[in-house]
């Protein structure tokens, strides 16, 4: 079943020539193609950046959103949720930035992603090996400074510029670039 797509009421469909006005459907197809190209480029990069394992960025992202997103949205403060003030359990463990972050575990990440728990557990082991996730003895998972630095820099330098350029192109196609 295909979703119905509507052009916003503020969008103007640009004319291809004075005699011919493209249909709204054609403009939407152009925007959809533009967005698909952007997403495929992004997925290919994530695939390469994570050693050809596309599940790793999904799981890392879910853990990061769970850790950081709850604080940014004020969920932990409003609900009285106890947030972790974790420090590495031993000297060999990578430094976790978990101070003030809401912990999660493999079960909650499996539920959030819809992936089997065993798959999530195996991928979390890999993320720990890479130094991007820290797991405490009680199973709480936290994103590390290493991951935030590496992927924060990558996102701000590469992806943000591409997202903004893609958005500008989509606006131009929709005739909203006033």
C-alpha atoms as a PDB file:
ATOM      1  CA  UNK A   1       0.000   0.000   0.000  1.00  0.00           C
ATOM      2  CA  UNK A   2       1.534   3.316  -1.091  1.00  0.00           C
ATOM      3  CA  UNK A   3       1.335   6.316   1.217  1.00  0.00           C
ATOM      4  CA  UNK A   4      -0.387   9.388  -0.139  1.00  0.00           C
ATOM      5  CA  UNK A   5       1.981  12.310  -0.568  1.00  0.00           C
ATOM      6  CA  UNK A   6       0.631  15.823  -0.633  1.00  0.00           C
ATOM      7  CA  UNK A   7       2.432  18.944  -1.733  1.00  0.00           C
ATOM      8  CA  UNK A   8       2.399  21.588   1.003  1.00  0.00           C
ATOM      9  CA  UNK A   9      -0.012  24.412   0.281  1.00  0.00           C
ATOM     10  CA  UNK A  10       2.913  26.850   0.279  1.00  0.00           C
ATOM     11  CA  UNK A  11       4.713  24.959  -2.503  1.00  0.00           C
ATOM     12  CA  UNK A  12       4.597  26.261  -6.024  1.00  0.00           C
ATOM     13  CA  UNK A  13       5.290  23.863  -8.851  1.00  0.00           C
ATOM     14  CA  UNK A  14       7.964  25.484 -11.037  1.00  0.00           C
ATOM     15  CA  UNK A  15       7.322  25.776 -14.763  1.00  0.00           C
ATOM     16  CA  UNK A  16       9.647  23.833 -17.063  1.00  0.00           C
ATOM     17  CA  UNK A  17       8.915  26.272 -19.897  1.00  0.00           C
ATOM     18  CA  UNK A  18       6.376  29.060 -20.415  1.00  0.00           C
ATOM     19  CA  UNK A  19       4.115  26.676 -22.322  1.00  0.00           C
ATOM     20  CA  UNK A  20       4.375  23.686 -20.022  1.00  0.00           C
ATOM     21  CA  UNK A  21       3.798  23.325 -16.266  1.00  0.00           C
ATOM     22  CA  UNK A  22       5.065  20.021 -14.836  1.00  0.00           C
ATOM     23  CA  UNK A  23       2.592  18.087 -12.801  1.00  0.00           C
ATOM     24  CA  UNK A  24       2.818  18.007  -9.029  1.00  0.00           C
ATOM     25  CA  UNK A  25       3.417  14.283  -9.361  1.00  0.00           C
ATOM     26  CA  UNK A  26       6.518  14.852 -11.499  1.00  0.00           C
ATOM     27  CA  UNK A  27       7.915  17.366  -9.003  1.00  0.00           C
ATOM     28  CA  UNK A  28       7.348  14.936  -6.127  1.00  0.00           C
ATOM     29  CA  UNK A  29       9.109  12.196  -8.090  1.00  0.00           C
ATOM     30  CA  UNK A  30      12.092  14.525  -8.588  1.00  0.00           C
ATOM     31  CA  UNK A  31      12.208  15.338  -4.875  1.00  0.00           C
ATOM     32  CA  UNK A  32      11.859  11.660  -3.962  1.00  0.00           C
ATOM     33  CA  UNK A  33      14.744  10.768  -6.304  1.00  0.00           C
ATOM     34  CA  UNK A  34      16.889  13.538  -4.813  1.00  0.00           C
ATOM     35  CA  UNK A  35      16.198  12.273  -1.284  1.00  0.00           C
ATOM     36  CA  UNK A  36      16.817   8.649  -2.286  1.00  0.00           C
ATOM     37  CA  UNK A  37      20.217   9.575  -3.765  1.00  0.00           C
ATOM     38  CA  UNK A  38      21.095  11.377  -0.550  1.00  0.00           C
ATOM     39  CA  UNK A  39      20.055   8.408   1.605  1.00  0.00           C
ATOM     40  CA  UNK A  40      21.927   5.864  -0.523  1.00  0.00           C
ATOM     41  CA  UNK A  41      25.130   7.952  -0.370  1.00  0.00           C
ATOM     42  CA  UNK A  42      24.712   8.196   3.383  1.00  0.00           C
ATOM     43  CA  UNK A  43      24.047   4.464   3.808  1.00  0.00           C
ATOM     44  CA  UNK A  44      27.095   3.593   1.702  1.00  0.00           C
ATOM     45  CA  UNK A  45      29.290   5.790   3.888  1.00  0.00           C
ATOM     46  CA  UNK A  46      27.904   4.276   7.100  1.00  0.00           C
ATOM     47  CA  UNK A  47      28.456   0.827   5.619  1.00  0.00           C
ATOM     48  CA  UNK A  48      32.104   1.658   4.889  1.00  0.00           C
ATOM     49  CA  UNK A  49      32.692   3.544   8.164  1.00  0.00           C
ATOM     50  CA  UNK A  50      31.457   0.559  10.178  1.00  0.00           C
ATOM     51  CA  UNK A  51      33.478  -2.154   8.463  1.00  0.00           C
ATOM     52  CA  UNK A  52      30.617  -3.143   6.155  1.00  0.00           C
ATOM     53  CA  UNK A  53      28.218  -3.929   9.011  1.00  0.00           C
ATOM     54  CA  UNK A  54      25.158  -1.701   8.583  1.00  0.00           C
ATOM     55  CA  UNK A  55      23.660  -2.807  11.901  1.00  0.00           C
ATOM     56  CA  UNK A  56      26.506  -1.240  13.904  1.00  0.00           C
ATOM     57  CA  UNK A  57      25.583   2.398  13.163  1.00  0.00           C
ATOM     58  CA  UNK A  58      21.934   1.633  13.855  1.00  0.00           C
ATOM     59  CA  UNK A  59      22.728   0.156  17.260  1.00  0.00           C
ATOM     60  CA  UNK A  60      25.280   2.838  18.119  1.00  0.00           C
ATOM     61  CA  UNK A  61      22.734   5.481  17.184  1.00  0.00           C
ATOM     62  CA  UNK A  62      19.985   3.886  19.276  1.00  0.00           C
ATOM     63  CA  UNK A  63      22.271   3.671  22.298  1.00  0.00           C
ATOM     64  CA  UNK A  64      23.399   7.276  21.854  1.00  0.00           C
ATOM     65  CA  UNK A  65      19.830   8.523  21.417  1.00  0.00           C
ATOM     66  CA  UNK A  66      18.723   6.605  24.472  1.00  0.00           C
ATOM     67  CA  UNK A  67      21.633   7.938  26.556  1.00  0.00           C
ATOM     68  CA  UNK A  68      21.567  11.523  25.367  1.00  0.00           C
ATOM     69  CA  UNK A  69      18.047  11.995  24.021  1.00  0.00           C
ATOM     70  CA  UNK A  70      16.340  11.461  27.363  1.00  0.00           C
ATOM     71  CA  UNK A  71      18.442  14.197  28.927  1.00  0.00           C
ATOM     72  CA  UNK A  72      17.970  16.620  26.056  1.00  0.00           C
ATOM     73  CA  UNK A  73      14.208  16.153  26.182  1.00  0.00           C
ATOM     74  CA  UNK A  74      14.197  16.488  29.968  1.00  0.00           C
ATOM     75  CA  UNK A  75      12.661  13.020  30.419  1.00  0.00           C
ATOM     76  CA  UNK A  76      15.055  12.068  33.200  1.00  0.00           C
ATOM     77  CA  UNK A  77      14.411  15.262  35.146  1.00  0.00           C
ATOM     78  CA  UNK A  78      10.623  15.247  34.661  1.00  0.00           C
ATOM     79  CA  UNK A  79       9.997  11.609  35.414  1.00  0.00           C
ATOM     80  CA  UNK A  80      12.481  11.293  38.230  1.00  0.00           C
ATOM     81  CA  UNK A  81      14.283   8.597  36.253  1.00  0.00           C
ATOM     82  CA  UNK A  82      17.552   7.784  37.888  1.00  0.00           C
ATOM     83  CA  UNK A  83      20.377   8.611  35.540  1.00  0.00           C
ATOM     84  CA  UNK A  84      23.693   6.837  35.665  1.00  0.00           C
ATOM     85  CA  UNK A  85      26.808   8.465  37.037  1.00  0.00           C
ATOM     86  CA  UNK A  86      28.944   5.644  35.757  1.00  0.00           C
ATOM     87  CA  UNK A  87      32.670   5.523  35.655  1.00  0.00           C
ATOM     88  CA  UNK A  88      34.717   2.747  34.126  1.00  0.00           C
ATOM     89  CA  UNK A  89      34.683  -0.360  36.275  1.00  0.00           C
ATOM     90  CA  UNK A  90      38.385  -1.036  35.844  1.00  0.00           C
ATOM     91  CA  UNK A  91      41.465   0.761  34.581  1.00  0.00           C
ATOM     92  CA  UNK A  92      41.466  -1.099  31.249  1.00  0.00           C
ATOM     93  CA  UNK A  93      37.908  -0.043  30.400  1.00  0.00           C
ATOM     94  CA  UNK A  94      37.584   2.901  28.017  1.00  0.00           C
ATOM     95  CA  UNK A  95      36.416   6.119  29.588  1.00  0.00           C
ATOM     96  CA  UNK A  96      32.636   6.304  29.400  1.00  0.00           C
ATOM     97  CA  UNK A  97      30.983   9.684  29.251  1.00  0.00           C
ATOM     98  CA  UNK A  98      28.080   8.301  31.175  1.00  0.00           C
ATOM     99  CA  UNK A  99      27.958  10.977  33.855  1.00  0.00           C
ATOM    100  CA  UNK A 100      24.374  12.167  33.701  1.00  0.00           C
ATOM    101  CA  UNK A 101      23.380   9.860  30.843  1.00  0.00           C
ATOM    102  CA  UNK A 102      20.385   7.584  30.976  1.00  0.00           C
ATOM    103  CA  UNK A 103      21.568   3.977  30.801  1.00  0.00           C
ATOM    104  CA  UNK A 104      20.112   1.382  28.468  1.00  0.00           C
ATOM    105  CA  UNK A 105      20.747  -2.315  27.974  1.00  0.00           C
ATOM    106  CA  UNK A 106      20.738  -4.889  25.195  1.00  0.00           C
ATOM    107  CA  UNK A 107      17.101  -5.765  25.864  1.00  0.00           C
ATOM    108  CA  UNK A 108      15.886  -2.154  25.503  1.00  0.00           C
ATOM    109  CA  UNK A 109      17.958  -1.688  22.340  1.00  0.00           C
ATOM    110  CA  UNK A 110      16.552  -4.922  20.867  1.00  0.00           C
ATOM    111  CA  UNK A 111      13.043  -3.684  21.639  1.00  0.00           C
ATOM    112  CA  UNK A 112      13.764  -0.262  20.104  1.00  0.00           C
ATOM    113  CA  UNK A 113      15.221  -1.696  16.895  1.00  0.00           C
ATOM    114  CA  UNK A 114      13.087  -4.808  16.509  1.00  0.00           C
ATOM    115  CA  UNK A 115      16.251  -6.880  16.094  1.00  0.00           C
ATOM    116  CA  UNK A 116      16.707 -10.231  17.831  1.00  0.00           C
ATOM    117  CA  UNK A 117      18.344  -9.892  21.258  1.00  0.00           C
ATOM    118  CA  UNK A 118      21.150 -12.274  20.355  1.00  0.00           C
ATOM    119  CA  UNK A 119      22.014 -10.213  17.272  1.00  0.00           C
ATOM    120  CA  UNK A 120      21.991  -7.033  19.370  1.00  0.00           C
ATOM    121  CA  UNK A 121      24.152  -8.682  22.012  1.00  0.00           C
ATOM    122  CA  UNK A 122      26.765  -9.769  19.419  1.00  0.00           C
ATOM    123  CA  UNK A 123      26.841  -6.340  17.789  1.00  0.00           C
ATOM    124  CA  UNK A 124      27.202  -4.632  21.165  1.00  0.00           C
ATOM    125  CA  UNK A 125      30.264  -6.804  21.825  1.00  0.00           C
ATOM    126  CA  UNK A 126      31.725  -5.474  18.555  1.00  0.00           C
ATOM    127  CA  UNK A 127      30.918  -1.854  19.483  1.00  0.00           C
ATOM    128  CA  UNK A 128      32.660  -2.406  22.827  1.00  0.00           C
ATOM    129  CA  UNK A 129      35.708  -3.858  21.039  1.00  0.00           C
ATOM    130  CA  UNK A 130      35.814  -0.733  18.849  1.00  0.00           C
ATOM    131  CA  UNK A 131      35.718   1.449  21.962  1.00  0.00           C
ATOM    132  CA  UNK A 132      32.449   3.146  21.022  1.00  0.00           C
ATOM    133  CA  UNK A 133      30.300   1.663  23.777  1.00  0.00           C
ATOM    134  CA  UNK A 134      31.064   1.013  27.431  1.00  0.00           C
ATOM    135  CA  UNK A 135      29.152  -1.704  29.290  1.00  0.00           C
ATOM    136  CA  UNK A 136      29.104  -1.726  33.063  1.00  0.00           C
ATOM    137  CA  UNK A 137      28.977  -4.930  35.073  1.00  0.00           C
ATOM    138  CA  UNK A 138      25.216  -4.492  35.505  1.00  0.00           C
ATOM    139  CA  UNK A 139      24.726  -4.453  31.708  1.00  0.00           C
ATOM    140  CA  UNK A 140      24.126  -0.704  31.373  1.00  0.00           C
ATOM    141  CA  UNK A 141      25.365   0.642  28.057  1.00  0.00           C
ATOM    142  CA  UNK A 142      26.823   4.082  27.451  1.00  0.00           C
ATOM    143  CA  UNK A 143      28.278   5.773  24.388  1.00  0.00           C
ATOM    144  CA  UNK A 144      31.932   6.732  24.863  1.00  0.00           C
ATOM    145  CA  UNK A 145      33.787   9.983  24.334  1.00  0.00           C
ATOM    146  CA  UNK A 146      35.660   8.268  21.501  1.00  0.00           C
ATOM    147  CA  UNK A 147      32.441   7.570  19.593  1.00  0.00           C
ATOM    148  CA  UNK A 148      31.042  11.042  20.190  1.00  0.00           C
ATOM    149  CA  UNK A 149      34.249  12.672  19.039  1.00  0.00           C
ATOM    150  CA  UNK A 150      34.671  10.479  15.962  1.00  0.00           C
ATOM    151  CA  UNK A 151      31.088  10.529  14.746  1.00  0.00           C
ATOM    152  CA  UNK A 152      30.229  14.012  15.982  1.00  0.00           C
ATOM    153  CA  UNK A 153      33.081  15.410  13.903  1.00  0.00           C
ATOM    154  CA  UNK A 154      32.073  13.266  10.938  1.00  0.00           C
ATOM    155  CA  UNK A 155      28.433  14.332  11.127  1.00  0.00           C
ATOM    156  CA  UNK A 156      29.177  18.002  11.535  1.00  0.00           C
ATOM    157  CA  UNK A 157      31.752  18.139   8.772  1.00  0.00           C
ATOM    158  CA  UNK A 158      30.246  15.906   6.116  1.00  0.00           C
ATOM    159  CA  UNK A 159      26.652  14.989   6.688  1.00  0.00           C
ATOM    160  CA  UNK A 160      25.275  18.322   7.868  1.00  0.00           C
ATOM    161  CA  UNK A 161      26.501  20.159   4.772  1.00  0.00           C
ATOM    162  CA  UNK A 162      25.028  17.450   2.547  1.00  0.00           C
ATOM    163  CA  UNK A 163      21.683  17.474   4.359  1.00  0.00           C
ATOM    164  CA  UNK A 164      21.450  21.259   4.021  1.00  0.00           C
ATOM    165  CA  UNK A 165      22.382  21.140   0.334  1.00  0.00           C
ATOM    166  CA  UNK A 166      19.824  18.388  -0.305  1.00  0.00           C
ATOM    167  CA  UNK A 167      17.166  20.414   1.556  1.00  0.00           C
ATOM    168  CA  UNK A 168      18.005  23.487  -0.571  1.00  0.00           C
ATOM    169  CA  UNK A 169      17.704  21.435  -3.755  1.00  0.00           C
ATOM    170  CA  UNK A 170      14.364  20.001  -2.616  1.00  0.00           C
ATOM    171  CA  UNK A 171      13.066  23.508  -1.830  1.00  0.00           C
ATOM    172  CA  UNK A 172      14.108  24.723  -5.271  1.00  0.00           C
ATOM    173  CA  UNK A 173      12.318  21.777  -6.899  1.00  0.00           C
ATOM    174  CA  UNK A 174       9.202  22.567  -4.901  1.00  0.00           C
ATOM    175  CA  UNK A 175       9.469  26.263  -5.735  1.00  0.00           C
ATOM    176  CA  UNK A 176       9.816  27.361  -2.111  1.00  0.00           C
ATOM    177  CA  UNK A 177      13.217  29.026  -2.444  1.00  0.00           C
ATOM    178  CA  UNK A 178      12.071  32.620  -2.006  1.00  0.00           C
END
